[in-house]
Structures are given as C-alpha cells and as structure tokens.
Amino acid sequence: MYILEGNIGAGKSTFLKLIEDRYPFINTIQEPHDNWKKQSYGQSLLADFYSNPKRWAYTIETLAMSCRIRDHLKNKNLKVTTIMERSVYSGHHCFAYNGFLSGFMTNLEWAIYCRWFDFLVGKKHITPQGFIYLQTTPPISYERIKRRSRPEEKAMTLEYLEQMHKRHEEFLLLKKNASSAIKKVPVLVINCDKEFETNKLQTHKMFDALEKFLNQTQGSGIPAITKEQYHESL
C-alpha cells in the first residue's frame, strides 16, 4: 500500500481521481471526508474544529485516526497496488501533533491520543511501501482552498496552512519523531504548485514520476505497473 500525502489544498483528491481514471488496475482510496462533515454525524466536526480548535481538536483527530485505521484494515491484504489518501501517520505526526503544539489539545488529551495511536499502529497497521508527497507552498494551498469555497473551510487561515506545511516537511522529509520502520519508507516528492488537473504536460510529468516510483519500490513480487497495463493506459 502507498499513501498519498500533502497539505490541505495540495490537490490530493484531484490527483487520486486522475490516477483512478488513467490506471483502473490501481486500487484508490479517497479520504473519508464525510465522516467529519455534516453528512455522518449531524454536525460538521471539521467546521467546528476550524471555528473552535481547542474544543474539537481531540474529537476530530481521534475520529480521523479510527477511520483511517478502518480503511487500512479493509484494504491491507489486497493483491493489487493500492494508493490511499492520507494515513494514520500524517494524522498523528502532522495534524494531531500540530494541534498539541498549538495548545488545541491538553497534555492529557495528547497522552490518550498517543496511547491509542501506539496501540493501533502496533497491533493493526502495516507499514506502507511508500509515501507520495504532493508538496505545495502555503499561499498556493490557501488560494486553492478559497477558490473551492467549501463551507466547512471558511475559517481556514494561512497561518494554519503554514503550520501544517512545516509539519508535513518535518514528517515526510526529515522523518522527525518517526518510528524506525517509517524512517525506512521511501518518499516520492512531487511539486504541485503548478495547476495540473487540466495541464496535460504537468500531469504527464506527475504520472511519469509516479510510475517510476511504484516500479522501483514494489516489494510484493507483483509489478506495480506492467508493460501491458502501461500501454493500455496511454
């Protein structure tokens, strides 16, 4: 399993959809946004968090962790290449950790969250074969968020995106506070400051980097992308 990571507004969902369209033999898993929006619980935990992070940080991060573990368990034994949007690892090292550093979680809440993380990762999770990091500068992410104008993101600030960019860089590039197993996981960095959804040249460059990375890191004995599948996808 491969994990697609990146800051809010990096273009993860868009890139995953493009992968799904081009490579139908790759199993893709979108982040379960509805679980922290109004559709599932009668209120938008995401909007609640952005408007009152001290009240809702622990709640939303615990829910996100449980949802990501669930999706991982559903797909961990599939004998096909799988790319999942975000992971329990970035949830911990980026979002929850930033919440703790910002004072959104108390020491007790952070300690409880970490105990659950250590238990679930130790007992239930399998280390990914690779991370695919869509790297964007915070102002670009901020402009994209404003453009898509999601109601639950109205209170999003550039300062928060700058914090999250730093957390992603620390986790994926510096492997700060990561376990020894995660430190060994290779990372593909794709700069996504340029628009790529309608830019065929840019999309081709991203696909080319992705194909090389998957084939270089596949360790299950099953090629990530065979020659036949590659030509069918063109």
C-alpha atoms as a PDB file:
ATOM      1  CA  MET A   1       0.000   0.000   0.000  1.00  0.00           C
ATOM      2  CA  TYR A   2       1.124   3.519  -0.872  1.00  0.00           C
ATOM      3  CA  ILE A   3      -0.006   6.680   0.915  1.00  0.00           C
ATOM      4  CA  LEU A   4      -0.767   9.961  -0.853  1.00  0.00           C
ATOM      5  CA  GLU A   5       0.090  12.835   1.492  1.00  0.00           C
ATOM      6  CA  GLY A   6       0.122  16.610   1.344  1.00  0.00           C
ATOM      7  CA  ASN A   7      -1.170  19.782   2.915  1.00  0.00           C
ATOM      8  CA  ILE A   8      -4.801  20.853   2.692  1.00  0.00           C
ATOM      9  CA  GLY A   9      -5.364  22.200  -0.815  1.00  0.00           C
ATOM     10  CA  ALA A  10      -2.402  20.348  -2.342  1.00  0.00           C
ATOM     11  CA  GLY A  11      -4.624  18.541  -4.855  1.00  0.00           C
ATOM     12  CA  LYS A  12      -4.619  15.041  -3.357  1.00  0.00           C
ATOM     13  CA  SER A  13      -8.233  14.153  -4.202  1.00  0.00           C
ATOM     14  CA  THR A  14      -7.821  15.539  -7.714  1.00  0.00           C
ATOM     15  CA  PHE A  15      -4.608  13.615  -8.345  1.00  0.00           C
ATOM     16  CA  LEU A  16      -6.110  10.414  -6.937  1.00  0.00           C
ATOM     17  CA  LYS A  17      -9.077  10.759  -9.300  1.00  0.00           C
ATOM     18  CA  LEU A  18      -6.702  11.229 -12.239  1.00  0.00           C
ATOM     19  CA  ILE A  19      -4.827   8.101 -11.168  1.00  0.00           C
ATOM     20  CA  GLU A  20      -8.120   6.207 -10.963  1.00  0.00           C
ATOM     21  CA  ASP A  21      -9.078   7.287 -14.493  1.00  0.00           C
ATOM     22  CA  ARG A  22      -5.699   6.506 -16.060  1.00  0.00           C
ATOM     23  CA  TYR A  23      -4.839   3.318 -14.169  1.00  0.00           C
ATOM     24  CA  PRO A  24      -8.060   1.375 -13.481  1.00  0.00           C
ATOM     25  CA  PHE A  25      -5.977  -1.570 -12.238  1.00  0.00           C
ATOM     26  CA  ILE A  26      -4.740   0.508  -9.273  1.00  0.00           C
ATOM     27  CA  ASN A  27      -6.995   0.462  -6.213  1.00  0.00           C
ATOM     28  CA  THR A  28      -7.529   4.011  -4.940  1.00  0.00           C
ATOM     29  CA  ILE A  29      -8.990   5.023  -1.570  1.00  0.00           C
ATOM     30  CA  GLN A  30     -10.262   8.550  -1.098  1.00  0.00           C
ATOM     31  CA  GLU A  31     -10.060  10.171   2.328  1.00  0.00           C
ATOM     32  CA  PRO A  32     -13.442   9.679   4.094  1.00  0.00           C
ATOM     33  CA  HIS A  33     -14.268  13.387   4.315  1.00  0.00           C
ATOM     34  CA  ASP A  34     -17.940  12.716   5.041  1.00  0.00           C
ATOM     35  CA  ASN A  35     -17.012  11.191   8.397  1.00  0.00           C
ATOM     36  CA  TRP A  36     -16.030  14.599   9.751  1.00  0.00           C
ATOM     37  CA  LYS A  37     -18.552  16.650   7.789  1.00  0.00           C
ATOM     38  CA  LYS A  38     -22.266  17.057   8.456  1.00  0.00           C
ATOM     39  CA  GLN A  39     -23.284  14.008   6.376  1.00  0.00           C
ATOM     40  CA  SER A  40     -22.352  11.433   9.025  1.00  0.00           C
ATOM     41  CA  TYR A  41     -22.847  12.948  12.468  1.00  0.00           C
ATOM     42  CA  GLY A  42     -25.440  15.679  12.100  1.00  0.00           C
ATOM     43  CA  GLN A  43     -22.864  18.417  12.524  1.00  0.00           C
ATOM     44  CA  SER A  44     -19.636  19.311  10.764  1.00  0.00           C
ATOM     45  CA  LEU A  45     -16.778  18.430  13.076  1.00  0.00           C
ATOM     46  CA  LEU A  46     -14.417  19.992  10.549  1.00  0.00           C
ATOM     47  CA  ALA A  47     -16.200  23.347  10.683  1.00  0.00           C
ATOM     48  CA  ASP A  48     -16.399  23.048  14.467  1.00  0.00           C
ATOM     49  CA  PHE A  49     -12.641  22.454  14.642  1.00  0.00           C
ATOM     50  CA  TYR A  50     -11.722  25.434  12.477  1.00  0.00           C
ATOM     51  CA  SER A  51     -14.000  27.741  14.474  1.00  0.00           C
ATOM     52  CA  ASN A  52     -13.100  26.364  17.940  1.00  0.00           C
ATOM     53  CA  PRO A  53      -9.974  24.156  17.737  1.00  0.00           C
ATOM     54  CA  LYS A  54      -9.412  23.905  21.498  1.00  0.00           C
ATOM     55  CA  ARG A  55     -12.824  22.322  21.933  1.00  0.00           C
ATOM     56  CA  TRP A  56     -12.780  19.977  18.944  1.00  0.00           C
ATOM     57  CA  ALA A  57      -9.143  19.038  18.163  1.00  0.00           C
ATOM     58  CA  TYR A  58      -9.083  15.850  20.238  1.00  0.00           C
ATOM     59  CA  THR A  59     -12.516  14.782  18.980  1.00  0.00           C
ATOM     60  CA  ILE A  60     -11.795  15.181  15.283  1.00  0.00           C
ATOM     61  CA  GLU A  61      -8.277  13.723  15.422  1.00  0.00           C
ATOM     62  CA  THR A  62      -9.456  10.642  17.314  1.00  0.00           C
ATOM     63  CA  LEU A  63     -12.273  10.127  14.811  1.00  0.00           C
ATOM     64  CA  ALA A  64      -9.907  10.605  11.859  1.00  0.00           C
ATOM     65  CA  MET A  65      -7.455   8.071  13.306  1.00  0.00           C
ATOM     66  CA  SER A  66     -10.165   5.430  13.740  1.00  0.00           C
ATOM     67  CA  CYS A  67     -11.488   5.982  10.192  1.00  0.00           C
ATOM     68  CA  ARG A  68      -8.035   5.663   8.641  1.00  0.00           C
ATOM     69  CA  ILE A  69      -7.239   2.506  10.582  1.00  0.00           C
ATOM     70  CA  ARG A  70     -10.563   1.020   9.465  1.00  0.00           C
ATOM     71  CA  ASP A  71      -9.927   1.798   5.792  1.00  0.00           C
ATOM     72  CA  HIS A  72      -6.400   0.409   6.031  1.00  0.00           C
ATOM     73  CA  LEU A  73      -7.624  -2.871   7.534  1.00  0.00           C
ATOM     74  CA  LYS A  74     -10.225  -3.236   4.782  1.00  0.00           C
ATOM     75  CA  ASN A  75      -7.587  -2.993   2.065  1.00  0.00           C
ATOM     76  CA  LYS A  76      -4.305  -4.212   3.579  1.00  0.00           C
ATOM     77  CA  ASN A  77      -4.464  -7.734   2.096  1.00  0.00           C
ATOM     78  CA  LEU A  78      -5.414  -6.796  -1.462  1.00  0.00           C
ATOM     79  CA  LYS A  79      -3.043  -8.280  -4.056  1.00  0.00           C
ATOM     80  CA  VAL A  80      -3.119  -5.155  -6.189  1.00  0.00           C
ATOM     81  CA  THR A  81      -1.332  -1.857  -5.988  1.00  0.00           C
ATOM     82  CA  THR A  82      -3.293   0.420  -3.634  1.00  0.00           C
ATOM     83  CA  ILE A  83      -2.924   4.172  -3.113  1.00  0.00           C
ATOM     84  CA  MET A  84      -4.743   5.663  -0.132  1.00  0.00           C
ATOM     85  CA  GLU A  85      -5.283   9.374   0.509  1.00  0.00           C
ATOM     86  CA  ARG A  86      -3.687  10.352   3.818  1.00  0.00           C
ATOM     87  CA  SER A  87      -2.791   7.991   6.626  1.00  0.00           C
ATOM     88  CA  VAL A  88      -2.835   7.421  10.350  1.00  0.00           C
ATOM     89  CA  TYR A  89       0.819   8.520  10.281  1.00  0.00           C
ATOM     90  CA  SER A  90       0.232  12.031   8.932  1.00  0.00           C
ATOM     91  CA  GLY A  91      -2.833  12.222  11.152  1.00  0.00           C
ATOM     92  CA  HIS A  92      -0.551  11.720  14.130  1.00  0.00           C
ATOM     93  CA  HIS A  93       2.689  13.430  13.088  1.00  0.00           C
ATOM     94  CA  CYS A  94       1.105  16.380  11.270  1.00  0.00           C
ATOM     95  CA  PHE A  95      -2.446  17.196  12.315  1.00  0.00           C
ATOM     96  CA  ALA A  96      -2.709  15.887  15.883  1.00  0.00           C
ATOM     97  CA  TYR A  97       0.869  16.864  16.755  1.00  0.00           C
ATOM     98  CA  ASN A  98       0.302  20.372  15.422  1.00  0.00           C
ATOM     99  CA  GLY A  99      -2.873  20.579  17.493  1.00  0.00           C
ATOM    100  CA  PHE A 100      -0.885  19.691  20.600  1.00  0.00           C
ATOM    101  CA  LEU A 101       1.914  22.171  19.814  1.00  0.00           C
ATOM    102  CA  SER A 102      -0.674  24.894  19.232  1.00  0.00           C
ATOM    103  CA  GLY A 103      -2.354  24.246  22.556  1.00  0.00           C
ATOM    104  CA  PHE A 104      -5.502  22.823  20.974  1.00  0.00           C
ATOM    105  CA  MET A 105      -5.069  19.593  22.969  1.00  0.00           C
ATOM    106  CA  THR A 106      -4.290  19.357  26.659  1.00  0.00           C
ATOM    107  CA  ASN A 107      -1.386  17.226  27.876  1.00  0.00           C
ATOM    108  CA  LEU A 108      -3.889  14.590  28.974  1.00  0.00           C
ATOM    109  CA  GLU A 109      -5.688  14.525  25.621  1.00  0.00           C
ATOM    110  CA  TRP A 110      -2.385  14.232  23.770  1.00  0.00           C
ATOM    111  CA  ALA A 111      -1.248  11.398  26.039  1.00  0.00           C
ATOM    112  CA  ILE A 112      -4.501   9.483  25.488  1.00  0.00           C
ATOM    113  CA  TYR A 113      -4.348  10.067  21.730  1.00  0.00           C
ATOM    114  CA  CYS A 114      -0.732   8.807  21.610  1.00  0.00           C
ATOM    115  CA  ARG A 115      -1.638   5.666  23.566  1.00  0.00           C
ATOM    116  CA  TRP A 116      -4.362   4.850  21.056  1.00  0.00           C
ATOM    117  CA  PHE A 117      -2.001   5.585  18.151  1.00  0.00           C
ATOM    118  CA  ASP A 118       0.750   3.345  19.539  1.00  0.00           C
ATOM    119  CA  PHE A 119      -1.728   0.531  20.217  1.00  0.00           C
ATOM    120  CA  LEU A 120      -3.494   0.662  16.848  1.00  0.00           C
ATOM    121  CA  VAL A 121      -0.347   1.058  14.768  1.00  0.00           C
ATOM    122  CA  GLY A 122       1.471  -1.618  16.728  1.00  0.00           C
ATOM    123  CA  LYS A 123      -1.362  -4.145  16.564  1.00  0.00           C
ATOM    124  CA  LYS A 124      -3.336  -3.376  13.416  1.00  0.00           C
ATOM    125  CA  HIS A 125      -1.360  -1.338  10.916  1.00  0.00           C
ATOM    126  CA  ILE A 126       1.118  -2.391   8.249  1.00  0.00           C
ATOM    127  CA  THR A 127       3.973  -0.108   7.230  1.00  0.00           C
ATOM    128  CA  PRO A 128       3.298   1.369   3.750  1.00  0.00           C
ATOM    129  CA  GLN A 129       5.543   0.638   0.797  1.00  0.00           C
ATOM    130  CA  GLY A 130       5.955   4.327   0.077  1.00  0.00           C
ATOM    131  CA  PHE A 131       4.670   7.848   0.612  1.00  0.00           C
ATOM    132  CA  ILE A 132       3.724  10.096  -2.316  1.00  0.00           C
ATOM    133  CA  TYR A 133       4.059  13.674  -1.101  1.00  0.00           C
ATOM    134  CA  LEU A 134       2.291  16.392  -3.091  1.00  0.00           C
ATOM    135  CA  GLN A 135       4.330  19.374  -1.990  1.00  0.00           C
ATOM    136  CA  THR A 136       2.820  22.858  -2.228  1.00  0.00           C
ATOM    137  CA  THR A 137       3.718  26.222  -0.754  1.00  0.00           C
ATOM    138  CA  PRO A 138       1.144  27.508   1.787  1.00  0.00           C
ATOM    139  CA  PRO A 139      -0.016  30.545  -0.255  1.00  0.00           C
ATOM    140  CA  ILE A 140      -0.849  28.252  -3.199  1.00  0.00           C
ATOM    141  CA  SER A 141      -2.780  25.907  -0.914  1.00  0.00           C
ATOM    142  CA  TYR A 142      -4.610  28.861   0.605  1.00  0.00           C
ATOM    143  CA  GLU A 143      -5.668  30.220  -2.801  1.00  0.00           C
ATOM    144  CA  ARG A 144      -6.978  26.816  -3.870  1.00  0.00           C
ATOM    145  CA  ILE A 145      -8.971  26.466  -0.658  1.00  0.00           C
ATOM    146  CA  LYS A 146     -10.512  29.886  -1.155  1.00  0.00           C
ATOM    147  CA  ARG A 147     -11.324  29.034  -4.766  1.00  0.00           C
ATOM    148  CA  ARG A 148     -13.104  25.773  -3.963  1.00  0.00           C
ATOM    149  CA  SER A 149     -15.060  27.600  -1.227  1.00  0.00           C
ATOM    150  CA  ARG A 150     -16.102  24.672   0.944  1.00  0.00           C
ATOM    151  CA  PRO A 151     -18.397  25.890   3.769  1.00  0.00           C
ATOM    152  CA  GLU A 152     -16.511  23.998   6.475  1.00  0.00           C
ATOM    153  CA  GLU A 153     -13.217  25.662   5.432  1.00  0.00           C
ATOM    154  CA  LYS A 154     -14.371  29.274   5.717  1.00  0.00           C
ATOM    155  CA  ALA A 155     -12.396  29.795   8.926  1.00  0.00           C
ATOM    156  CA  MET A 156      -9.186  28.339   7.476  1.00  0.00           C
ATOM    157  CA  THR A 157      -6.193  30.665   7.864  1.00  0.00           C
ATOM    158  CA  LEU A 158      -2.910  30.982   6.007  1.00  0.00           C
ATOM    159  CA  GLU A 159      -1.132  30.704   9.356  1.00  0.00           C
ATOM    160  CA  TYR A 160      -2.652  27.265   9.939  1.00  0.00           C
ATOM    161  CA  LEU A 161      -1.589  26.109   6.462  1.00  0.00           C
ATOM    162  CA  GLU A 162       1.946  27.340   7.147  1.00  0.00           C
ATOM    163  CA  GLN A 163       1.996  25.288  10.340  1.00  0.00           C
ATOM    164  CA  MET A 164       0.720  22.210   8.508  1.00  0.00           C
ATOM    165  CA  HIS A 165       3.272  22.667   5.732  1.00  0.00           C
ATOM    166  CA  LYS A 166       6.036  22.657   8.330  1.00  0.00           C
ATOM    167  CA  ARG A 167       4.631  19.512   9.986  1.00  0.00           C
ATOM    168  CA  HIS A 168       4.487  17.677   6.621  1.00  0.00           C
ATOM    169  CA  GLU A 169       8.055  18.696   5.769  1.00  0.00           C
ATOM    170  CA  GLU A 170       9.269  17.535   9.182  1.00  0.00           C
ATOM    171  CA  PHE A 171       7.460  14.212   8.954  1.00  0.00           C
ATOM    172  CA  LEU A 172       7.964  13.228   5.308  1.00  0.00           C
ATOM    173  CA  LEU A 173      11.363  14.753   4.552  1.00  0.00           C
ATOM    174  CA  LEU A 174      13.114  14.901   7.922  1.00  0.00           C
ATOM    175  CA  LYS A 175      11.221  11.901   9.424  1.00  0.00           C
ATOM    176  CA  LYS A 176      11.062  13.816  12.710  1.00  0.00           C
ATOM    177  CA  ASN A 177       9.808  11.666  15.633  1.00  0.00           C
ATOM    178  CA  ALA A 178       9.008   8.838  13.198  1.00  0.00           C
ATOM    179  CA  SER A 179       9.467   5.202  14.153  1.00  0.00           C
ATOM    180  CA  SER A 180      12.428   3.268  12.746  1.00  0.00           C
ATOM    181  CA  ALA A 181      10.075   1.448  10.343  1.00  0.00           C
ATOM    182  CA  ILE A 182       8.635   4.687   8.945  1.00  0.00           C
ATOM    183  CA  LYS A 183      12.091   6.230   8.584  1.00  0.00           C
ATOM    184  CA  LYS A 184      12.900   3.497   6.063  1.00  0.00           C
ATOM    185  CA  VAL A 185       9.815   4.115   3.922  1.00  0.00           C
ATOM    186  CA  PRO A 186      10.757   5.869   0.641  1.00  0.00           C
ATOM    187  CA  VAL A 187       9.102   9.171  -0.227  1.00  0.00           C
ATOM    188  CA  LEU A 188       8.289  10.489  -3.698  1.00  0.00           C
ATOM    189  CA  VAL A 189       8.087  14.291  -3.654  1.00  0.00           C
ATOM    190  CA  ILE A 190       6.031  15.893  -6.430  1.00  0.00           C
ATOM    191  CA  ASN A 191       5.854  19.672  -6.508  1.00  0.00           C
ATOM    192  CA  CYS A 192       2.236  20.679  -7.111  1.00  0.00           C
ATOM    193  CA  ASP A 193       2.409  24.460  -7.098  1.00  0.00           C
ATOM    194  CA  LYS A 194       1.513  24.431 -10.804  1.00  0.00           C
ATOM    195  CA  GLU A 195      -2.053  23.596 -11.761  1.00  0.00           C
ATOM    196  CA  PHE A 196      -2.153  20.068 -13.126  1.00  0.00           C
ATOM    197  CA  GLU A 197      -5.774  18.956 -13.496  1.00  0.00           C
ATOM    198  CA  THR A 198      -6.168  20.491 -16.959  1.00  0.00           C
ATOM    199  CA  ASN A 199      -2.462  20.779 -17.813  1.00  0.00           C
ATOM    200  CA  LYS A 200      -1.633  17.620 -19.758  1.00  0.00           C
ATOM    201  CA  LEU A 201       2.114  18.270 -19.761  1.00  0.00           C
ATOM    202  CA  GLN A 202       2.226  18.732 -15.997  1.00  0.00           C
ATOM    203  CA  THR A 203       0.007  15.699 -15.416  1.00  0.00           C
ATOM    204  CA  HIS A 204       2.246  13.589 -17.663  1.00  0.00           C
ATOM    205  CA  LYS A 205       5.298  14.580 -15.608  1.00  0.00           C
ATOM    206  CA  MET A 206       3.491  13.576 -12.423  1.00  0.00           C
ATOM    207  CA  PHE A 207       2.403  10.232 -13.881  1.00  0.00           C
ATOM    208  CA  ASP A 208       5.922   9.548 -15.124  1.00  0.00           C
ATOM    209  CA  ALA A 209       7.376  10.163 -11.656  1.00  0.00           C
ATOM    210  CA  LEU A 210       4.648   8.024 -10.087  1.00  0.00           C
ATOM    211  CA  GLU A 211       5.208   5.087 -12.443  1.00  0.00           C
ATOM    212  CA  LYS A 212       8.946   5.042 -11.807  1.00  0.00           C
ATOM    213  CA  PHE A 213       8.460   5.252  -8.059  1.00  0.00           C
ATOM    214  CA  LEU A 214       5.891   2.437  -7.925  1.00  0.00           C
ATOM    215  CA  ASN A 215       8.009   0.088 -10.004  1.00  0.00           C
ATOM    216  CA  GLN A 216      11.158   0.875  -8.016  1.00  0.00           C
ATOM    217  CA  THR A 217       9.535   0.279  -4.634  1.00  0.00           C
ATOM    218  CA  GLN A 218       7.169  -2.619  -5.300  1.00  0.00           C
ATOM    219  CA  GLY A 219       8.179  -5.399  -2.949  1.00  0.00           C
ATOM    220  CA  SER A 220       5.348  -7.911  -3.179  1.00  0.00           C
ATOM    221  CA  GLY A 221       6.538  -9.651  -6.320  1.00  0.00           C
ATOM    222  CA  ILE A 222       3.623  -8.152  -8.240  1.00  0.00           C
ATOM    223  CA  PRO A 223       4.685  -5.356 -10.618  1.00  0.00           C
ATOM    224  CA  ALA A 224       3.072  -2.057  -9.777  1.00  0.00           C
ATOM    225  CA  ILE A 225       2.502  -1.307 -13.447  1.00  0.00           C
ATOM    226  CA  THR A 226       3.182  -3.925 -16.107  1.00  0.00           C
ATOM    227  CA  LYS A 227       4.195  -3.004 -19.654  1.00  0.00           C
ATOM    228  CA  GLU A 228       0.820  -4.202 -20.940  1.00  0.00           C
ATOM    229  CA  GLN A 229      -1.084  -2.125 -18.414  1.00  0.00           C
ATOM    230  CA  TYR A 230       1.066   0.912 -19.120  1.00  0.00           C
ATOM    231  CA  HIS A 231       0.341   0.811 -22.855  1.00  0.00           C
ATOM    232  CA  GLU A 232      -3.372   0.258 -22.206  1.00  0.00           C
ATOM    233  CA  SER A 233      -3.422   3.382 -20.075  1.00  0.00           C
ATOM    234  CA  LEU A 234      -1.934   5.656 -22.722  1.00  0.00           C
END
